[in-house]
Amino acid sequence: MTVSTIFRLTIRETQRRRILWIGALMGMAFLIVFGLGFHFIYQDIVRHVSGEEILFPLRFLTLAGLYATNFLVVMVAVLISVATISGEIESHTIESLLTKPIGRWALIAGKWLGYAAIILVFVLLLPGGVMLIVYLRSGFTLENIAAGLVLIYLEGLVALSVSMAGGTRLSTLANGALAFMLFGIAFIGGWVEQIGAILRNETAVDVGILTSLIMPTEILWKKASALFEPGLVSGFEFAGPFSVSSQPSDLMIAYAVVYIFILMLLALWLFSTRDL
C-alpha cells in the first residue's frame, strides 16, 4: 500500500462520509445567494453610478464575496481533516491500516495529498465561482487572478497542516478547537496590524506580525487582496479585510510554505512516536 493508495482511499472516505458532497452543495448554495445579491445590487449601481465611479462598488462586492469564500476554504480544510488521524485512532480503525505493509509516513503523506486535492477543488469552486459570476454579470475582472487564488489555496493548506499535526496527539474536539482558535487569533491580529498601520502604532503592528507568525492565514489573504486590487484605497474609513494599509512582504509567502513543511514534519514525528 503506497502513498497513492492512501490518496485514493482518503478521497473515497470523504465521499463516503458525504463531507465532500455536503460541502459542494453548500458551496453552490452560497454562489447562488451571492449571484442573486450581486445581480440586484448591480442593477441599482448602474442606475445611479456611471463612468469609473462604478469600479469601486464592483471591487468592494467582489472582494467581499472572496473574503467569505476565503473563510469557507479554511473551514472546509479543517472540517474534512480534523478527525482524519485522531478519529481513526479513537475508533481503532487506523490499526488495521498499519498492520498492512505501509509506513506511518505514507499514511500521513497520502492523507495530506488527498485533502489538498479536495481543497483545490473548493478553491476553484468558491473563489473562482465568485469571480466568474461577477465577470458574467458585469464584465469586471480583478488583477492577478491566478496568483491570488494560489495564495488562498496556500491558506487552506496551512489550515490543513495545522489540523493534521494536531490530530496526531489531540482528540478530535480539541484539535478542531485548536485549529479554529488559531485562525481566530490570526484574524484578530490582522485587524490589529491593519489599524495599527493606519494610526502609525508600531506596537499594534508588531502584535499583528506576531500573530501572522503563529498562524499565517490572514497575512496570505492580505497578500491575495493586494494582488487582486493593487490600487484599492486604504484609509481609516476603509480599514478592514478588503483594504491593505501595510503591504505584506513576499517573505511571508515563503514563511507560509516553510510553516506547512515544518508542520508536516512535526506530524510525521509525533505520529511515528505515538503508541497505538
C-alpha atoms as a PDB file:
ATOM      1  CA  MET A   1       0.000   0.000   0.000  1.00  0.00           C
ATOM      2  CA  THR A   2       1.607   3.258  -1.151  1.00  0.00           C
ATOM      3  CA  VAL A   3       1.018   6.993  -0.836  1.00  0.00           C
ATOM      4  CA  SER A   4      -1.124   6.934  -3.993  1.00  0.00           C
ATOM      5  CA  THR A   5      -3.347   4.239  -2.478  1.00  0.00           C
ATOM      6  CA  ILE A   6      -3.880   6.261   0.698  1.00  0.00           C
ATOM      7  CA  PHE A   7      -4.550   9.290  -1.517  1.00  0.00           C
ATOM      8  CA  ARG A   8      -7.392   7.465  -3.291  1.00  0.00           C
ATOM      9  CA  LEU A   9      -8.761   5.985  -0.057  1.00  0.00           C
ATOM     10  CA  THR A  10      -8.820   9.437   1.548  1.00  0.00           C
ATOM     11  CA  ILE A  11     -10.928  10.891  -1.250  1.00  0.00           C
ATOM     12  CA  ARG A  12     -13.263   7.878  -1.177  1.00  0.00           C
ATOM     13  CA  GLU A  13     -13.631   8.185   2.598  1.00  0.00           C
ATOM     14  CA  THR A  14     -14.513  11.866   2.267  1.00  0.00           C
ATOM     15  CA  GLN A  15     -17.157  10.937  -0.305  1.00  0.00           C
ATOM     16  CA  ARG A  16     -18.468   8.107   1.876  1.00  0.00           C
ATOM     17  CA  ARG A  17     -18.896  10.414   4.847  1.00  0.00           C
ATOM     18  CA  ARG A  18     -20.667  12.834   2.467  1.00  0.00           C
ATOM     19  CA  ILE A  19     -18.447  15.704   3.601  1.00  0.00           C
ATOM     20  CA  LEU A  20     -17.405  16.358   0.021  1.00  0.00           C
ATOM     21  CA  TRP A  21     -20.956  16.368  -1.322  1.00  0.00           C
ATOM     22  CA  ILE A  22     -22.388  18.458   1.511  1.00  0.00           C
ATOM     23  CA  GLY A  23     -19.547  20.952   1.139  1.00  0.00           C
ATOM     24  CA  ALA A  24     -20.077  21.160  -2.609  1.00  0.00           C
ATOM     25  CA  LEU A  25     -23.848  21.572  -2.146  1.00  0.00           C
ATOM     26  CA  MET A  26     -23.406  24.355   0.420  1.00  0.00           C
ATOM     27  CA  GLY A  27     -20.800  25.970  -1.822  1.00  0.00           C
ATOM     28  CA  MET A  28     -23.262  26.028  -4.699  1.00  0.00           C
ATOM     29  CA  ALA A  29     -25.922  27.467  -2.379  1.00  0.00           C
ATOM     30  CA  PHE A  30     -23.519  30.251  -1.389  1.00  0.00           C
ATOM     31  CA  LEU A  31     -22.775  31.043  -5.028  1.00  0.00           C
ATOM     32  CA  ILE A  32     -26.493  31.183  -5.840  1.00  0.00           C
ATOM     33  CA  VAL A  33     -27.131  33.615  -2.969  1.00  0.00           C
ATOM     34  CA  PHE A  34     -24.107  35.715  -3.927  1.00  0.00           C
ATOM     35  CA  GLY A  35     -25.127  35.699  -7.585  1.00  0.00           C
ATOM     36  CA  LEU A  36     -28.674  36.849  -6.831  1.00  0.00           C
ATOM     37  CA  GLY A  37     -27.446  39.534  -4.449  1.00  0.00           C
ATOM     38  CA  PHE A  38     -24.846  40.780  -6.900  1.00  0.00           C
ATOM     39  CA  HIS A  39     -27.369  40.830  -9.747  1.00  0.00           C
ATOM     40  CA  PHE A  40     -29.842  43.097  -7.948  1.00  0.00           C
ATOM     41  CA  ILE A  41     -27.171  45.330  -6.405  1.00  0.00           C
ATOM     42  CA  TYR A  42     -25.511  45.730  -9.794  1.00  0.00           C
ATOM     43  CA  GLN A  43     -28.841  46.817 -11.294  1.00  0.00           C
ATOM     44  CA  ASP A  44     -29.018  49.590  -8.701  1.00  0.00           C
ATOM     45  CA  ILE A  45     -25.384  50.576  -9.234  1.00  0.00           C
ATOM     46  CA  VAL A  46     -25.707  51.090 -12.990  1.00  0.00           C
ATOM     47  CA  ARG A  47     -28.820  53.237 -12.451  1.00  0.00           C
ATOM     48  CA  HIS A  48     -27.132  55.621 -10.024  1.00  0.00           C
ATOM     49  CA  VAL A  49     -23.411  55.467 -10.818  1.00  0.00           C
ATOM     50  CA  SER A  50     -21.605  56.000 -14.101  1.00  0.00           C
ATOM     51  CA  GLY A  51     -18.099  56.092 -15.507  1.00  0.00           C
ATOM     52  CA  GLU A  52     -15.131  54.947 -13.473  1.00  0.00           C
ATOM     53  CA  GLU A  53     -17.038  55.508 -10.223  1.00  0.00           C
ATOM     54  CA  ILE A  54     -18.752  52.183 -10.819  1.00  0.00           C
ATOM     55  CA  LEU A  55     -15.464  50.353 -10.264  1.00  0.00           C
ATOM     56  CA  PHE A  56     -15.282  50.935  -6.505  1.00  0.00           C
ATOM     57  CA  PRO A  57     -18.578  49.191  -5.597  1.00  0.00           C
ATOM     58  CA  LEU A  58     -17.719  46.367  -8.000  1.00  0.00           C
ATOM     59  CA  ARG A  59     -14.328  45.919  -6.355  1.00  0.00           C
ATOM     60  CA  PHE A  60     -15.858  46.034  -2.901  1.00  0.00           C
ATOM     61  CA  LEU A  61     -18.586  43.491  -3.698  1.00  0.00           C
ATOM     62  CA  THR A  62     -16.149  41.128  -5.404  1.00  0.00           C
ATOM     63  CA  LEU A  63     -13.652  41.269  -2.551  1.00  0.00           C
ATOM     64  CA  ALA A  64     -16.479  40.831  -0.030  1.00  0.00           C
ATOM     65  CA  GLY A  65     -17.521  37.635  -1.805  1.00  0.00           C
ATOM     66  CA  LEU A  66     -13.926  36.462  -1.996  1.00  0.00           C
ATOM     67  CA  TYR A  67     -13.382  37.149   1.696  1.00  0.00           C
ATOM     68  CA  ALA A  68     -16.389  34.989   2.562  1.00  0.00           C
ATOM     69  CA  THR A  69     -15.155  32.169   0.326  1.00  0.00           C
ATOM     70  CA  ASN A  70     -11.681  32.555   1.805  1.00  0.00           C
ATOM     71  CA  PHE A  71     -13.153  31.764   5.229  1.00  0.00           C
ATOM     72  CA  LEU A  72     -15.152  28.865   3.774  1.00  0.00           C
ATOM     73  CA  VAL A  73     -11.995  27.351   2.248  1.00  0.00           C
ATOM     74  CA  VAL A  74     -10.271  27.420   5.650  1.00  0.00           C
ATOM     75  CA  MET A  75     -13.356  25.955   7.327  1.00  0.00           C
ATOM     76  CA  VAL A  76     -13.553  23.137   4.775  1.00  0.00           C
ATOM     77  CA  ALA A  77      -9.825  22.413   5.198  1.00  0.00           C
ATOM     78  CA  VAL A  78     -10.278  21.967   8.948  1.00  0.00           C
ATOM     79  CA  LEU A  79     -13.579  20.077   8.882  1.00  0.00           C
ATOM     80  CA  ILE A  80     -12.523  17.447   6.339  1.00  0.00           C
ATOM     81  CA  SER A  81      -9.254  16.694   8.141  1.00  0.00           C
ATOM     82  CA  VAL A  82      -9.940  17.311  11.824  1.00  0.00           C
ATOM     83  CA  ALA A  83     -10.775  13.660  12.533  1.00  0.00           C
ATOM     84  CA  THR A  84      -8.515  12.052   9.943  1.00  0.00           C
ATOM     85  CA  ILE A  85      -5.924  10.852  12.466  1.00  0.00           C
ATOM     86  CA  SER A  86      -7.458  11.379  15.907  1.00  0.00           C
ATOM     87  CA  GLY A  87     -10.826   9.915  14.932  1.00  0.00           C
ATOM     88  CA  GLU A  88      -9.266   6.799  13.424  1.00  0.00           C
ATOM     89  CA  ILE A  89      -7.069   6.352  16.497  1.00  0.00           C
ATOM     90  CA  GLU A  90     -10.085   6.679  18.812  1.00  0.00           C
ATOM     91  CA  SER A  91     -12.085   4.156  16.761  1.00  0.00           C
ATOM     92  CA  HIS A  92      -9.024   1.875  16.326  1.00  0.00           C
ATOM     93  CA  THR A  93      -9.571   1.717  12.560  1.00  0.00           C
ATOM     94  CA  ILE A  94      -6.076   3.032  11.976  1.00  0.00           C
ATOM     95  CA  GLU A  95      -4.614  -0.149  13.444  1.00  0.00           C
ATOM     96  CA  SER A  96      -5.986  -2.194  10.547  1.00  0.00           C
ATOM     97  CA  LEU A  97      -4.211   0.103   8.092  1.00  0.00           C
ATOM     98  CA  LEU A  98      -0.898  -0.009   9.895  1.00  0.00           C
ATOM     99  CA  THR A  99      -0.920  -3.820  10.062  1.00  0.00           C
ATOM    100  CA  LYS A 100      -0.580  -3.786   6.282  1.00  0.00           C
ATOM    101  CA  PRO A 101       2.788  -3.096   4.615  1.00  0.00           C
ATOM    102  CA  ILE A 102       2.539   0.659   4.970  1.00  0.00           C
ATOM    103  CA  GLY A 103       4.703   3.162   6.792  1.00  0.00           C
ATOM    104  CA  ARG A 104       3.259   5.817   9.043  1.00  0.00           C
ATOM    105  CA  TRP A 105       4.886   8.468   6.857  1.00  0.00           C
ATOM    106  CA  ALA A 106       2.968   7.158   3.829  1.00  0.00           C
ATOM    107  CA  LEU A 107      -0.304   7.348   5.754  1.00  0.00           C
ATOM    108  CA  ILE A 108       0.282  10.990   6.703  1.00  0.00           C
ATOM    109  CA  ALA A 109       1.552  11.984   3.249  1.00  0.00           C
ATOM    110  CA  GLY A 110      -1.256  10.216   1.387  1.00  0.00           C
ATOM    111  CA  LYS A 111      -3.967  11.744   3.547  1.00  0.00           C
ATOM    112  CA  TRP A 112      -2.448  15.223   3.263  1.00  0.00           C
ATOM    113  CA  LEU A 113      -2.262  14.985  -0.535  1.00  0.00           C
ATOM    114  CA  GLY A 114      -5.831  13.684  -0.719  1.00  0.00           C
ATOM    115  CA  TYR A 115      -7.205  16.542   1.336  1.00  0.00           C
ATOM    116  CA  ALA A 116      -5.021  19.040  -0.543  1.00  0.00           C
ATOM    117  CA  ALA A 117      -6.668  17.895  -3.784  1.00  0.00           C
ATOM    118  CA  ILE A 118     -10.134  18.369  -2.274  1.00  0.00           C
ATOM    119  CA  ILE A 119      -9.228  21.857  -1.044  1.00  0.00           C
ATOM    120  CA  LEU A 120      -8.046  22.742  -4.555  1.00  0.00           C
ATOM    121  CA  VAL A 121     -11.484  21.799  -5.907  1.00  0.00           C
ATOM    122  CA  PHE A 122     -13.152  24.079  -3.356  1.00  0.00           C
ATOM    123  CA  VAL A 123     -10.799  26.961  -4.189  1.00  0.00           C
ATOM    124  CA  LEU A 124     -11.751  26.661  -7.853  1.00  0.00           C
ATOM    125  CA  LEU A 125     -15.443  26.279  -6.982  1.00  0.00           C
ATOM    126  CA  LEU A 126     -15.836  29.078  -4.416  1.00  0.00           C
ATOM    127  CA  PRO A 127     -13.423  31.984  -5.079  1.00  0.00           C
ATOM    128  CA  GLY A 128     -13.304  31.010  -8.743  1.00  0.00           C
ATOM    129  CA  GLY A 129     -17.100  30.897  -8.848  1.00  0.00           C
ATOM    130  CA  VAL A 130     -17.435  34.350  -7.283  1.00  0.00           C
ATOM    131  CA  MET A 131     -15.131  35.898  -9.874  1.00  0.00           C
ATOM    132  CA  LEU A 132     -16.930  34.087 -12.700  1.00  0.00           C
ATOM    133  CA  ILE A 133     -20.330  35.359 -11.528  1.00  0.00           C
ATOM    134  CA  VAL A 134     -19.053  38.940 -11.324  1.00  0.00           C
ATOM    135  CA  TYR A 135     -17.480  38.710 -14.781  1.00  0.00           C
ATOM    136  CA  LEU A 136     -20.546  37.200 -16.450  1.00  0.00           C
ATOM    137  CA  ARG A 137     -22.881  39.810 -14.929  1.00  0.00           C
ATOM    138  CA  SER A 138     -20.759  42.955 -15.148  1.00  0.00           C
ATOM    139  CA  GLY A 139     -17.664  42.184 -17.219  1.00  0.00           C
ATOM    140  CA  PHE A 140     -15.478  43.240 -14.266  1.00  0.00           C
ATOM    141  CA  THR A 141     -12.333  41.246 -13.517  1.00  0.00           C
ATOM    142  CA  LEU A 142      -9.709  41.512 -10.808  1.00  0.00           C
ATOM    143  CA  GLU A 143      -5.992  41.615 -11.452  1.00  0.00           C
ATOM    144  CA  ASN A 144      -3.526  38.759 -10.825  1.00  0.00           C
ATOM    145  CA  ILE A 145      -6.304  36.178 -10.502  1.00  0.00           C
ATOM    146  CA  ALA A 146      -4.061  33.099 -10.704  1.00  0.00           C
ATOM    147  CA  ALA A 147      -1.573  34.380  -8.111  1.00  0.00           C
ATOM    148  CA  GLY A 148      -4.373  35.398  -5.750  1.00  0.00           C
ATOM    149  CA  LEU A 149      -6.078  32.005  -5.988  1.00  0.00           C
ATOM    150  CA  VAL A 150      -2.760  30.282  -5.282  1.00  0.00           C
ATOM    151  CA  LEU A 151      -2.453  32.291  -2.053  1.00  0.00           C
ATOM    152  CA  ILE A 152      -5.996  31.368  -0.989  1.00  0.00           C
ATOM    153  CA  TYR A 153      -5.132  27.737  -1.729  1.00  0.00           C
ATOM    154  CA  LEU A 154      -1.954  28.092   0.327  1.00  0.00           C
ATOM    155  CA  GLU A 155      -4.079  29.411   3.178  1.00  0.00           C
ATOM    156  CA  GLY A 156      -6.191  26.269   3.010  1.00  0.00           C
ATOM    157  CA  LEU A 157      -3.044  24.133   3.096  1.00  0.00           C
ATOM    158  CA  VAL A 158      -1.858  25.962   6.219  1.00  0.00           C
ATOM    159  CA  ALA A 159      -5.150  25.160   7.970  1.00  0.00           C
ATOM    160  CA  LEU A 160      -4.967  21.558   6.734  1.00  0.00           C
ATOM    161  CA  SER A 161      -1.430  21.118   8.064  1.00  0.00           C
ATOM    162  CA  VAL A 162      -2.358  22.558  11.468  1.00  0.00           C
ATOM    163  CA  SER A 163      -5.326  20.193  11.676  1.00  0.00           C
ATOM    164  CA  MET A 164      -3.316  17.123  10.690  1.00  0.00           C
ATOM    165  CA  ALA A 165      -0.433  17.906  13.046  1.00  0.00           C
ATOM    166  CA  GLY A 166      -2.832  18.470  15.930  1.00  0.00           C
ATOM    167  CA  GLY A 167      -4.719  15.275  15.160  1.00  0.00           C
ATOM    168  CA  THR A 168      -1.668  13.132  15.839  1.00  0.00           C
ATOM    169  CA  ARG A 169      -1.840  13.968  19.573  1.00  0.00           C
ATOM    170  CA  LEU A 170      -5.128  15.698  20.359  1.00  0.00           C
ATOM    171  CA  SER A 171      -8.681  14.421  20.411  1.00  0.00           C
ATOM    172  CA  THR A 172     -10.941  15.376  17.520  1.00  0.00           C
ATOM    173  CA  LEU A 173     -12.770  18.040  19.535  1.00  0.00           C
ATOM    174  CA  ALA A 174      -9.582  19.566  20.961  1.00  0.00           C
ATOM    175  CA  ASN A 175      -7.940  19.525  17.545  1.00  0.00           C
ATOM    176  CA  GLY A 176     -10.848  21.349  15.936  1.00  0.00           C
ATOM    177  CA  ALA A 177     -10.858  23.915  18.727  1.00  0.00           C
ATOM    178  CA  LEU A 178      -7.110  24.460  18.297  1.00  0.00           C
ATOM    179  CA  ALA A 179      -7.350  24.985  14.539  1.00  0.00           C
ATOM    180  CA  PHE A 180     -10.263  27.425  14.703  1.00  0.00           C
ATOM    181  CA  MET A 181      -8.794  29.330  17.661  1.00  0.00           C
ATOM    182  CA  LEU A 182      -5.507  29.791  15.812  1.00  0.00           C
ATOM    183  CA  PHE A 183      -7.437  31.066  12.805  1.00  0.00           C
ATOM    184  CA  GLY A 184      -9.337  33.448  15.094  1.00  0.00           C
ATOM    185  CA  ILE A 185      -6.088  34.738  16.595  1.00  0.00           C
ATOM    186  CA  ALA A 186      -4.712  35.379  13.111  1.00  0.00           C
ATOM    187  CA  PHE A 187      -7.944  37.138  12.107  1.00  0.00           C
ATOM    188  CA  ILE A 188      -7.920  39.492  15.109  1.00  0.00           C
ATOM    189  CA  GLY A 189      -4.182  40.046  14.713  1.00  0.00           C
ATOM    190  CA  GLY A 190      -4.722  41.062  11.105  1.00  0.00           C
ATOM    191  CA  TRP A 191      -7.193  43.750  12.152  1.00  0.00           C
ATOM    192  CA  VAL A 192      -4.865  44.973  14.904  1.00  0.00           C
ATOM    193  CA  GLU A 193      -2.000  45.262  12.420  1.00  0.00           C
ATOM    194  CA  GLN A 194      -4.256  46.979   9.875  1.00  0.00           C
ATOM    195  CA  ILE A 195      -5.473  49.659  12.265  1.00  0.00           C
ATOM    196  CA  GLY A 196      -2.019  49.982  13.833  1.00  0.00           C
ATOM    197  CA  ALA A 197      -0.508  50.708  10.421  1.00  0.00           C
ATOM    198  CA  ILE A 198      -3.116  53.398   9.727  1.00  0.00           C
ATOM    199  CA  LEU A 199      -2.559  55.023  13.141  1.00  0.00           C
ATOM    200  CA  ARG A 200       1.228  54.531  12.880  1.00  0.00           C
ATOM    201  CA  ASN A 201       1.251  52.498  16.086  1.00  0.00           C
ATOM    202  CA  GLU A 202       4.286  50.228  15.816  1.00  0.00           C
ATOM    203  CA  THR A 203       3.337  48.140  18.854  1.00  0.00           C
ATOM    204  CA  ALA A 204      -0.016  47.210  17.307  1.00  0.00           C
ATOM    205  CA  VAL A 205       1.722  46.387  14.021  1.00  0.00           C
ATOM    206  CA  ASP A 206       4.201  44.157  15.871  1.00  0.00           C
ATOM    207  CA  VAL A 207       1.329  42.327  17.575  1.00  0.00           C
ATOM    208  CA  GLY A 208      -0.227  41.678  14.168  1.00  0.00           C
ATOM    209  CA  ILE A 209       3.069  40.426  12.766  1.00  0.00           C
ATOM    210  CA  LEU A 210       3.457  38.072  15.738  1.00  0.00           C
ATOM    211  CA  THR A 211       0.024  36.546  15.128  1.00  0.00           C
ATOM    212  CA  SER A 212       0.949  36.104  11.460  1.00  0.00           C
ATOM    213  CA  LEU A 213       3.982  34.090  12.533  1.00  0.00           C
ATOM    214  CA  ILE A 214       1.827  31.935  14.807  1.00  0.00           C
ATOM    215  CA  MET A 215      -0.769  31.297  12.065  1.00  0.00           C
ATOM    216  CA  PRO A 216      -0.039  32.846   8.643  1.00  0.00           C
ATOM    217  CA  THR A 217      -3.569  32.644   7.245  1.00  0.00           C
ATOM    218  CA  GLU A 218      -4.684  36.270   7.495  1.00  0.00           C
ATOM    219  CA  ILE A 219      -1.421  37.578   6.034  1.00  0.00           C
ATOM    220  CA  LEU A 220      -1.947  35.336   2.993  1.00  0.00           C
ATOM    221  CA  TRP A 221      -5.408  36.820   2.499  1.00  0.00           C
ATOM    222  CA  LYS A 222      -3.965  40.340   2.782  1.00  0.00           C
ATOM    223  CA  LYS A 223      -1.375  39.480   0.145  1.00  0.00           C
ATOM    224  CA  ALA A 224      -4.031  37.971  -2.124  1.00  0.00           C
ATOM    225  CA  SER A 225      -6.223  41.050  -1.652  1.00  0.00           C
ATOM    226  CA  ALA A 226      -3.302  43.319  -2.552  1.00  0.00           C
ATOM    227  CA  LEU A 227      -2.690  41.289  -5.709  1.00  0.00           C
ATOM    228  CA  PHE A 228      -6.359  41.280  -6.709  1.00  0.00           C
ATOM    229  CA  GLU A 229      -6.662  45.060  -6.336  1.00  0.00           C
ATOM    230  CA  PRO A 230      -3.261  46.808  -6.056  1.00  0.00           C
ATOM    231  CA  GLY A 231      -4.881  50.254  -6.250  1.00  0.00           C
ATOM    232  CA  LEU A 232      -7.586  49.729  -3.635  1.00  0.00           C
ATOM    233  CA  VAL A 233      -7.887  52.846  -1.475  1.00  0.00           C
ATOM    234  CA  SER A 234      -6.578  52.328   2.050  1.00  0.00           C
ATOM    235  CA  GLY A 235      -7.543  54.702   4.793  1.00  0.00           C
ATOM    236  CA  PHE A 236      -9.163  54.609   8.204  1.00  0.00           C
ATOM    237  CA  GLU A 237     -12.658  54.607   6.704  1.00  0.00           C
ATOM    238  CA  PHE A 238     -11.757  51.545   4.621  1.00  0.00           C
ATOM    239  CA  ALA A 239      -9.909  49.668   7.353  1.00  0.00           C
ATOM    240  CA  GLY A 240     -10.995  46.083   7.272  1.00  0.00           C
ATOM    241  CA  PRO A 241     -10.444  42.823   5.457  1.00  0.00           C
ATOM    242  CA  PHE A 242     -10.641  44.378   1.969  1.00  0.00           C
ATOM    243  CA  SER A 243      -8.029  47.123   2.341  1.00  0.00           C
ATOM    244  CA  VAL A 244      -4.278  46.734   2.641  1.00  0.00           C
ATOM    245  CA  SER A 245      -2.730  49.580   4.569  1.00  0.00           C
ATOM    246  CA  SER A 246       0.544  47.713   5.083  1.00  0.00           C
ATOM    247  CA  GLN A 247       1.733  45.660   2.113  1.00  0.00           C
ATOM    248  CA  PRO A 248       2.641  42.115   3.241  1.00  0.00           C
ATOM    249  CA  SER A 249       6.175  41.084   2.372  1.00  0.00           C
ATOM    250  CA  ASP A 250       6.857  38.369  -0.191  1.00  0.00           C
ATOM    251  CA  LEU A 251       8.910  36.723   2.562  1.00  0.00           C
ATOM    252  CA  MET A 252       5.651  35.861   4.329  1.00  0.00           C
ATOM    253  CA  ILE A 253       4.690  33.645   1.397  1.00  0.00           C
ATOM    254  CA  ALA A 254       7.971  31.783   1.753  1.00  0.00           C
ATOM    255  CA  TYR A 255       7.369  31.617   5.509  1.00  0.00           C
ATOM    256  CA  ALA A 256       3.929  30.064   4.945  1.00  0.00           C
ATOM    257  CA  VAL A 257       5.454  27.371   2.710  1.00  0.00           C
ATOM    258  CA  VAL A 258       8.122  26.615   5.326  1.00  0.00           C
ATOM    259  CA  TYR A 259       5.400  26.659   8.008  1.00  0.00           C
ATOM    260  CA  ILE A 260       3.477  23.938   6.151  1.00  0.00           C
ATOM    261  CA  PHE A 261       6.636  21.877   5.652  1.00  0.00           C
ATOM    262  CA  ILE A 262       7.592  22.095   9.337  1.00  0.00           C
ATOM    263  CA  LEU A 263       4.079  21.177  10.466  1.00  0.00           C
ATOM    264  CA  MET A 264       4.089  18.100   8.251  1.00  0.00           C
ATOM    265  CA  LEU A 265       7.484  17.050   9.619  1.00  0.00           C
ATOM    266  CA  LEU A 266       6.073  17.584  13.115  1.00  0.00           C
ATOM    267  CA  ALA A 267       3.014  15.489  12.262  1.00  0.00           C
ATOM    268  CA  LEU A 268       5.228  12.683  10.952  1.00  0.00           C
ATOM    269  CA  TRP A 269       7.416  12.762  14.061  1.00  0.00           C
ATOM    270  CA  LEU A 270       4.518  12.927  16.540  1.00  0.00           C
ATOM    271  CA  PHE A 271       2.649  10.124  14.782  1.00  0.00           C
ATOM    272  CA  SER A 272       5.715   7.899  14.456  1.00  0.00           C
ATOM    273  CA  THR A 273       6.463   8.203  18.189  1.00  0.00           C
ATOM    274  CA  ARG A 274       2.884   7.620  19.351  1.00  0.00           C
ATOM    275  CA  ASP A 275       1.902   4.252  20.814  1.00  0.00           C
ATOM    276  CA  LEU A 276      -1.243   2.872  19.199  1.00  0.00           C
END
